């Protein structure tokens, strides 16, 4: 994925299957692999999604409301909450925006377009492909695959929860299903890597390959601090950790970045994303003003206490967004299930019951941590961001 604040619409490697494949990958294969399809010949290069996908509607607890209009998404009304600052907000209304722009114009061409070209994205072992459509749109496509640590439904779940919490930093994502042979047919004849990985690394079911599409961020850059220090290196982390101590003075030009880093640490703990700080997963737009919460397929473990790594990064932050914390306090199971339920495509569900319960458990632990900070330092120093 690649992205910029200007919001222009543009939208690894054989896998050798060893006899001692990890138990986690085996369980995923058992869950996902269906009957092996017969090779298909003379497939036309026109690809249409098998299952049409709609954008997630605004979430209402009772009663449900109509989906938002594409040009100006609306949100469902919920009970009023008075924040610790005395401001009334609606804690049940997802905000369907990405970096301040509405999601719908980014998603519409992905649903309507026909893939014309496929390339393998650079990165780790997990399979991620770039799809280019006949209408000029681009998307990152993560399919069901043999790499058990990467599950495409989780990317969509992360997107929905991001909007539920009013963050707006996960690229818009939808569920799709394509004909595998047709995808292979439109890969470049000279791109043996893409063709091989589509054949060997994916898990089709009856010749169909399901997955998720994420809007393609046009331009990405490594997030950097003063002096060109990357935000995800040891020196960078030590620097912004100091700024995010309760009561610390943040340089005015780094205030917005620090707010986003704080939100990222809290979001990653709640969804249990252990892959954020492993390299190149903390990316920004070219002018370092927007931090993107990308690559979330390794998230959503089943431990309600969270992974020690994500909790470590949460503890490096002592200053948080008051609005985000208020939204977390208001979150309940019905609301979470409601935002995850619609438009799952060929996925039975975006999160299992155990994964949903774990999200709420990590939310509770995060609030215990934040409330402890408030007790020690005072609410104004801890909830210092809007």
Protein backbone atom coordinates (compact mmCIF):
# COMPACT_ATOMS: atom_id res chain seq x y z
CA UNK A 1 0.00 0.00 0.00
CA UNK A 2 1.09 3.45 -0.69
CA UNK A 3 -0.61 6.81 0.43
CA UNK A 4 -0.49 10.72 0.55
CA UNK A 5 -2.41 13.49 2.24
CA UNK A 6 -3.45 14.84 -1.13
CA UNK A 7 -5.56 11.65 -1.48
CA UNK A 8 -4.92 10.94 -5.19
CA UNK A 9 -6.79 7.86 -6.32
CA UNK A 10 -4.12 5.34 -7.51
CA UNK A 11 -4.57 2.76 -6.09
CA UNK A 12 7.15 -13.42 -1.90
CA UNK A 13 9.60 -16.98 -3.17
CA UNK A 14 8.10 -20.25 -3.41
CA UNK A 15 6.62 -21.63 -0.28
CA UNK A 16 8.24 -24.95 0.42
CA UNK A 17 5.80 -26.97 2.41
CA UNK A 18 7.91 -28.77 5.03
CA UNK A 19 6.80 -31.82 6.89
CA UNK A 20 7.10 -29.94 10.17
CA UNK A 21 4.86 -26.96 9.43
CA UNK A 22 3.92 -25.08 12.58
CA UNK A 23 0.69 -26.09 14.29
CA UNK A 24 -0.75 -22.57 13.85
CA UNK A 25 -0.29 -22.68 10.06
CA UNK A 26 -1.76 -26.21 9.91
CA UNK A 27 -4.91 -25.09 11.67
CA UNK A 28 -5.33 -22.20 9.25
CA UNK A 29 -4.86 -24.53 6.27
CA UNK A 30 -7.44 -26.91 7.71
CA UNK A 31 -9.86 -24.06 8.15
CA UNK A 32 -9.36 -22.37 4.82
CA UNK A 33 -8.29 -24.93 2.16
CA UNK A 34 -11.18 -26.29 0.16
CA UNK A 35 -11.25 -28.84 -2.65
CA UNK A 36 -8.41 -28.33 -5.11
CA UNK A 37 -9.75 -26.88 -8.30
CA UNK A 38 -8.93 -28.38 -11.71
CA UNK A 39 -6.67 -26.17 -13.84
CA UNK A 40 -8.63 -23.78 -15.95
CA UNK A 41 -7.66 -23.04 -19.52
CA UNK A 42 -8.34 -20.19 -21.86
CA UNK A 43 -9.53 -17.92 -19.08
CA UNK A 44 -10.65 -14.58 -20.30
CA UNK A 45 -8.72 -11.67 -18.89
CA UNK A 46 -11.87 -10.09 -17.53
CA UNK A 47 -12.20 -10.51 -13.78
CA UNK A 48 -15.31 -9.74 -11.88
CA UNK A 49 -15.69 -10.12 -8.15
CA UNK A 50 -17.75 -13.20 -7.42
CA UNK A 51 -19.37 -11.64 -4.42
CA UNK A 52 -20.29 -7.96 -4.61
CA UNK A 53 -19.19 -6.08 -1.55
CA UNK A 54 -20.79 -3.10 -0.01
CA UNK A 55 -19.22 -0.56 2.31
CA UNK A 56 -20.05 -1.09 5.97
CA UNK A 57 -23.18 0.82 6.93
CA UNK A 58 -23.21 3.18 9.86
CA UNK A 59 -23.61 1.27 13.06
CA UNK A 60 -26.71 1.63 15.16
CA UNK A 61 -27.54 -0.26 18.29
CA UNK A 62 -31.35 0.19 18.10
CA UNK A 63 -32.85 0.81 15.67
CA UNK A 64 -30.74 0.21 12.49
CA UNK A 65 -30.52 3.05 10.01
CA UNK A 66 -30.00 3.31 6.28
CA UNK A 67 -26.45 3.18 4.82
CA UNK A 68 -24.65 6.50 4.36
CA UNK A 69 -24.85 8.32 1.07
CA UNK A 70 -21.57 7.98 -0.87
CA UNK A 71 -20.86 11.68 -1.07
CA UNK A 72 -21.48 12.45 2.57
CA UNK A 73 -21.53 9.44 4.91
CA UNK A 74 -23.77 9.74 7.91
CA UNK A 75 -23.52 7.87 11.18
CA UNK A 76 -26.05 6.30 13.47
CA UNK A 77 -27.14 8.12 16.54
CA UNK A 78 -26.30 6.63 19.91
CA UNK A 79 -26.65 7.66 23.53
CA UNK A 80 -24.96 10.86 24.54
CA UNK A 81 -21.77 10.64 26.56
CA UNK A 82 -20.30 13.51 28.50
CA UNK A 83 -16.52 13.35 28.39
CA UNK A 84 -14.20 14.17 31.24
CA UNK A 85 -13.85 17.58 29.60
CA UNK A 86 -17.60 18.15 29.80
CA UNK A 87 -18.12 17.81 26.04
CA UNK A 88 -21.07 15.80 24.73
CA UNK A 89 -20.14 13.19 22.10
CA UNK A 90 -21.80 10.20 20.50
CA UNK A 91 -19.72 7.15 21.42
CA UNK A 92 -21.60 4.83 19.07
CA UNK A 93 -21.07 6.63 15.78
CA UNK A 94 -18.27 5.32 13.54
CA UNK A 95 -16.53 7.97 11.48
CA UNK A 96 -16.11 6.62 7.95
CA UNK A 97 -13.14 8.77 6.97
CA UNK A 98 -9.49 8.14 6.09
CA UNK A 99 -7.04 10.91 6.95
CA UNK A 100 -9.94 13.36 6.92
CA UNK A 101 -11.47 12.24 3.60
CA UNK A 102 -14.62 10.09 3.17
CA UNK A 103 -14.04 6.38 2.57
CA UNK A 104 -16.71 5.89 -0.08
CA UNK A 105 -14.99 7.60 -3.04
CA UNK A 106 -11.92 5.44 -2.36
CA UNK A 107 -13.87 2.18 -2.15
CA UNK A 108 -16.31 2.64 -5.03
CA UNK A 109 -13.78 2.16 -7.86
CA UNK A 110 -12.36 -0.94 -6.14
CA UNK A 111 -15.80 -2.57 -6.18
CA UNK A 112 -16.60 -1.51 -9.74
CA UNK A 113 -13.21 -1.97 -11.41
CA UNK A 114 -11.90 -4.99 -13.35
CA UNK A 115 -8.31 -6.05 -12.44
CA UNK A 116 -6.03 -5.67 -15.43
CA UNK A 117 -2.56 -6.13 -13.90
CA UNK A 118 -1.14 -7.89 -10.84
CA UNK A 119 2.23 -7.49 -9.17
CA UNK A 120 3.74 -8.85 -5.94
CA UNK A 121 4.31 -6.21 -3.30
CA UNK A 122 7.69 -6.13 -1.66
CA UNK A 123 7.92 -7.07 1.99
CA UNK A 124 8.07 -10.14 4.19
CA UNK A 125 7.02 -13.69 3.44
CA UNK A 126 3.28 -12.97 3.64
CA UNK A 127 1.66 -12.58 0.24
CA UNK A 128 0.44 -9.12 -0.72
CA UNK A 129 -0.38 -8.18 -4.29
CA UNK A 130 -0.97 -4.90 -6.07
CA UNK A 131 -4.01 -4.89 -8.31
CA UNK A 132 -4.45 -2.28 -11.02
CA UNK A 133 -7.99 -1.88 -12.35
CA UNK A 134 -9.40 -0.86 -15.70
CA UNK A 135 -10.77 2.36 -14.19
CA UNK A 136 -7.33 3.49 -12.97
CA UNK A 137 -7.82 2.46 -9.35
CA UNK A 138 -5.21 0.50 -7.41
CA UNK A 139 -5.49 -1.68 -4.33
CA UNK A 140 -3.44 -3.97 -2.13
CA UNK A 141 -4.91 -7.49 -2.30
CA UNK A 142 -4.22 -9.90 0.55
CA UNK A 143 -5.73 -13.35 -0.16
CA UNK A 144 -6.24 -16.48 1.89
CA UNK A 145 -2.74 -17.94 1.97
CA UNK A 146 -0.51 -20.67 3.39
CA UNK A 147 1.16 -18.23 5.76
CA UNK A 148 -0.92 -18.80 8.86
CA UNK A 149 0.18 -15.60 10.54
CA UNK A 150 -1.47 -13.51 7.83
CA UNK A 151 -5.26 -13.57 7.67
CA UNK A 152 -7.02 -11.07 5.37
CA UNK A 153 -10.24 -10.86 7.38
CA UNK A 154 -8.27 -9.23 10.19
CA UNK A 155 -7.33 -6.29 7.97
CA UNK A 156 -11.01 -5.56 7.41
CA UNK A 157 -11.73 -5.93 11.14
CA UNK A 158 -8.94 -3.46 11.94
CA UNK A 159 -10.42 -0.98 9.47
CA UNK A 160 -13.89 -1.24 11.00
CA UNK A 161 -12.63 -0.87 14.59
CA UNK A 162 -10.48 2.10 13.57
CA UNK A 163 -13.60 3.84 12.28
CA UNK A 164 -15.61 2.82 15.33
CA UNK A 165 -13.02 4.52 17.53
CA UNK A 166 -12.96 7.62 15.32
CA UNK A 167 -9.25 7.32 14.43
CA UNK A 168 -9.26 7.26 10.62
CA UNK A 169 -5.76 5.96 9.91
CA UNK A 170 -6.34 2.40 8.60
CA UNK A 171 -6.79 2.39 4.80
CA UNK A 172 -10.36 1.54 3.70
CA UNK A 173 -10.76 -2.23 3.19
CA UNK A 174 -13.43 -4.54 1.76
CA UNK A 175 -13.91 -8.30 1.28
CA UNK A 176 -13.76 -9.71 -2.27
CA UNK A 177 -13.61 -13.07 -4.05
CA UNK A 178 -11.95 -13.59 -7.45
CA UNK A 179 -11.52 -16.49 -9.85
CA UNK A 180 -7.93 -17.65 -9.26
CA UNK A 181 -7.27 -18.76 -12.85
CA UNK A 182 -8.52 -15.43 -14.13
CA UNK A 183 -6.17 -13.57 -11.80
CA UNK A 184 -3.25 -15.64 -13.05
CA UNK A 185 -4.28 -14.91 -16.63
CA UNK A 186 -3.79 -11.16 -16.23
CA UNK A 187 -0.38 -11.33 -14.59
CA UNK A 188 2.49 -10.23 -16.78
CA UNK A 189 3.82 -13.20 -18.77
CA UNK A 190 7.32 -12.23 -17.65
CA UNK A 191 6.34 -11.99 -13.98
CA UNK A 192 7.03 -15.56 -12.96
CA UNK A 193 7.06 -14.60 -9.30
CA UNK A 194 3.49 -13.35 -9.26
CA UNK A 195 2.17 -16.33 -11.23
CA UNK A 196 4.02 -18.82 -9.04
CA UNK A 197 2.95 -17.24 -5.78
CA UNK A 198 -0.66 -17.11 -6.89
CA UNK A 199 -0.50 -20.85 -7.66
CA UNK A 200 1.57 -22.01 -4.70
CA UNK A 201 0.98 -19.60 -1.82
CA UNK A 202 -2.78 -19.08 -1.97
CA UNK A 203 -5.65 -21.19 -0.63
CA UNK A 204 -8.45 -21.17 -3.20
CA UNK A 205 -11.78 -22.84 -2.59
CA UNK A 206 -13.34 -24.45 -5.64
CA UNK A 207 -11.14 -22.28 -7.84
CA UNK A 208 -12.19 -19.06 -6.10
CA UNK A 209 -9.82 -16.94 -4.05
CA UNK A 210 -11.20 -14.73 -1.33
CA UNK A 211 -9.33 -11.92 0.35
CA UNK A 212 -9.39 -8.24 1.14
CA UNK A 213 -8.75 -5.12 -0.87
CA UNK A 214 -7.21 -2.06 0.78
CA UNK A 215 -7.20 1.30 -0.92
CA UNK A 216 -3.74 1.96 -2.34
CA UNK A 217 -1.90 4.77 -0.61
CA UNK A 218 -0.21 6.57 -3.54
CA UNK A 219 3.00 7.69 -1.85
CA UNK A 220 4.55 6.39 1.36
CA UNK A 221 7.57 7.60 3.26
CA UNK A 222 9.42 6.50 6.35
CA UNK A 223 8.27 8.55 9.33
CA UNK A 224 11.17 10.65 10.59
CA UNK A 225 12.00 13.02 13.41
CA UNK A 226 14.35 15.98 13.38
CA UNK A 227 17.70 15.10 11.85
CA UNK A 228 16.15 12.36 9.73
CA UNK A 229 15.85 9.82 12.56
CA UNK A 230 13.19 7.21 11.65
CA UNK A 231 10.40 6.97 14.18
CA UNK A 232 10.66 3.15 14.33
CA UNK A 233 14.37 2.95 15.19
CA UNK A 234 15.74 2.79 18.73
CA UNK A 235 16.82 6.44 18.64
CA UNK A 236 13.46 7.52 17.27
CA UNK A 237 11.47 5.55 19.85
CA UNK A 238 13.59 6.90 22.71
CA UNK A 239 12.91 10.44 21.46
CA UNK A 240 9.14 10.27 21.11
CA UNK A 241 8.84 8.26 24.32
CA UNK A 242 10.26 11.25 26.20
CA UNK A 243 7.77 13.58 24.54
CA UNK A 244 4.86 11.32 25.49
CA UNK A 245 5.58 11.20 29.20
CA UNK A 246 2.81 12.71 31.29
CA UNK A 247 3.39 16.45 31.61
CA UNK A 248 6.30 16.56 29.13
CA UNK A 249 6.75 19.47 26.76
CA UNK A 250 6.32 18.47 23.13
CA UNK A 251 7.92 20.61 20.40
CA UNK A 252 5.07 22.42 18.63
CA UNK A 253 6.07 21.02 15.24
CA UNK A 254 5.89 17.46 16.62
CA UNK A 255 2.60 17.79 18.49
CA UNK A 256 0.42 16.20 15.80
CA UNK A 257 2.89 13.35 15.21
CA UNK A 258 3.03 12.61 18.92
CA UNK A 259 -0.76 12.51 19.10
CA UNK A 260 -0.85 9.98 16.26
CA UNK A 261 1.92 7.85 17.81
CA UNK A 262 -0.05 7.80 21.05
CA UNK A 263 -3.19 6.69 19.22
CA UNK A 264 -1.20 4.05 17.31
CA UNK A 265 0.23 2.52 20.50
CA UNK A 266 -3.22 2.33 22.08
CA UNK A 267 -4.89 1.01 18.92
CA UNK A 268 -2.19 -1.65 18.39
CA UNK A 269 -2.61 -2.90 21.94
CA UNK A 270 -6.39 -3.15 21.63
CA UNK A 271 -6.20 -5.08 18.33
CA UNK A 272 -3.00 -6.91 19.43
CA UNK A 273 -0.87 -6.02 16.40
CA UNK A 274 2.60 -7.40 17.23
CA UNK A 275 4.02 -6.56 13.79
CA UNK A 276 4.04 -2.76 13.92
CA UNK A 277 7.62 -2.10 14.96
CA UNK A 278 9.32 -4.93 13.04
CA UNK A 279 10.31 -2.58 10.21
CA UNK A 280 8.55 -0.49 7.55
CA UNK A 281 5.11 -0.76 9.18
CA UNK A 282 5.06 2.76 10.62
CA UNK A 283 4.78 4.72 7.40
CA UNK A 284 3.71 8.29 6.75
CA UNK A 285 2.88 10.65 3.94
CA UNK A 286 5.84 12.50 2.33
CA UNK A 287 5.58 15.60 4.49
CA UNK A 288 5.42 13.58 7.74
CA UNK A 289 2.03 14.89 8.81
CA UNK A 290 -0.10 11.73 8.54
CA UNK A 291 0.82 8.40 10.16
CA UNK A 292 -0.83 5.38 8.55
CA UNK A 293 -1.92 2.36 10.61
CA UNK A 294 -1.22 -0.19 7.84
CA UNK A 295 -0.66 -3.97 7.71
CA UNK A 296 -2.87 -5.42 10.42
CA UNK A 297 -3.25 -9.05 9.25
CA UNK A 298 -1.15 -10.36 12.17
CA UNK A 299 -3.43 -8.75 14.74
CA UNK A 300 -6.29 -10.07 16.88
CA UNK A 301 -4.73 -12.73 19.08
CA UNK A 302 -6.97 -14.47 21.60
CA UNK A 303 -5.20 -13.29 24.75
CA UNK A 304 -7.41 -10.74 26.56
CA UNK A 305 -4.32 -9.48 28.41
CA UNK A 306 -2.53 -8.73 25.16
CA UNK A 307 0.92 -9.61 23.93
CA UNK A 308 3.84 -8.46 26.07
CA UNK A 309 5.27 -6.58 23.06
CA UNK A 310 2.20 -4.48 22.39
CA UNK A 311 1.80 -3.74 26.10
CA UNK A 312 5.45 -2.64 26.23
CA UNK A 313 4.80 -0.07 23.53
CA UNK A 314 1.62 1.06 25.25
CA UNK A 315 3.64 1.66 28.43
CA UNK A 316 5.96 3.93 26.47
CA UNK A 317 3.04 6.33 26.18
CA UNK A 318 1.61 8.32 29.08
CA UNK A 319 -0.28 11.00 27.13
CA UNK A 320 -3.45 10.11 25.26
CA UNK A 321 -6.35 11.50 23.25
CA UNK A 322 -9.25 12.33 25.54
CA UNK A 323 -11.76 11.58 22.79
CA UNK A 324 -10.22 8.19 21.97
CA UNK A 325 -10.17 7.15 25.63
CA UNK A 326 -13.80 8.22 26.00
CA UNK A 327 -14.74 6.12 22.98
CA UNK A 328 -12.94 3.10 24.43
CA UNK A 329 -14.84 3.53 27.70
CA UNK A 330 -18.14 3.59 25.80
CA UNK A 331 -17.34 0.51 23.67
CA UNK A 332 -19.40 -2.59 24.42
CA UNK A 333 -19.75 -6.03 22.86
CA UNK A 334 -22.98 -5.29 21.00
CA UNK A 335 -21.47 -2.23 19.41
CA UNK A 336 -18.30 -4.08 18.43
CA UNK A 337 -20.23 -6.97 16.90
CA UNK A 338 -22.48 -4.56 15.03
CA UNK A 339 -19.61 -2.84 13.25
CA UNK A 340 -18.07 -6.21 12.29
CA UNK A 341 -21.23 -7.98 11.16
CA UNK A 342 -22.21 -6.51 7.75
CA UNK A 343 -20.61 -7.07 4.35
CA UNK A 344 -18.20 -9.88 5.19
CA UNK A 345 -18.19 -11.27 1.65
CA UNK A 346 -17.23 -14.97 1.63
CA UNK A 347 -15.80 -14.74 5.14
CA UNK A 348 -18.13 -16.31 7.70
CA UNK A 349 -17.15 -13.57 10.12
CA UNK A 350 -14.42 -10.97 10.52
CA UNK A 351 -13.60 -11.95 14.11
CA UNK A 352 -14.43 -15.11 16.06
CA UNK A 353 -16.19 -15.00 19.42
CA UNK A 354 -12.85 -15.56 21.18
CA UNK A 355 -11.23 -12.73 19.21
CA UNK A 356 -14.07 -10.35 20.04
CA UNK A 357 -13.83 -11.21 23.73
CA UNK A 358 -10.06 -10.66 23.62
CA UNK A 359 -10.49 -7.20 22.08
CA UNK A 360 -12.73 -6.18 24.96
CA UNK A 361 -10.34 -7.71 27.50
CA UNK A 362 -7.41 -5.73 26.10
CA UNK A 363 -9.56 -2.61 26.06
CA UNK A 364 -10.20 -3.11 29.78
CA UNK A 365 -6.50 -3.60 30.53
CA UNK A 366 -5.59 -0.49 28.56
CA UNK A 367 -8.10 1.55 30.56
CA UNK A 368 -6.72 0.19 33.84
CA UNK A 369 -3.27 1.37 32.72
CA UNK A 370 -4.54 4.80 31.70
CA UNK A 371 -6.60 5.25 34.87
CA UNK A 372 -3.50 4.42 36.92
CA UNK A 373 -1.65 7.19 35.11
CA UNK A 374 -4.50 9.61 35.76
CA UNK A 375 -4.45 8.77 39.45
CA UNK A 376 -0.70 9.47 39.56
CA UNK A 377 -0.35 12.45 37.26
CA UNK A 378 -3.82 13.95 36.98
CA UNK A 379 -6.31 13.81 34.14
CA UNK A 380 -5.14 16.95 32.37
CA UNK A 381 -1.57 15.68 31.99
CA UNK A 382 -2.60 12.20 30.84
CA UNK A 383 -5.53 13.12 28.55
CA UNK A 384 -3.69 16.09 27.13
CA UNK A 385 -4.59 15.49 23.47
CA UNK A 386 -8.08 16.34 22.21
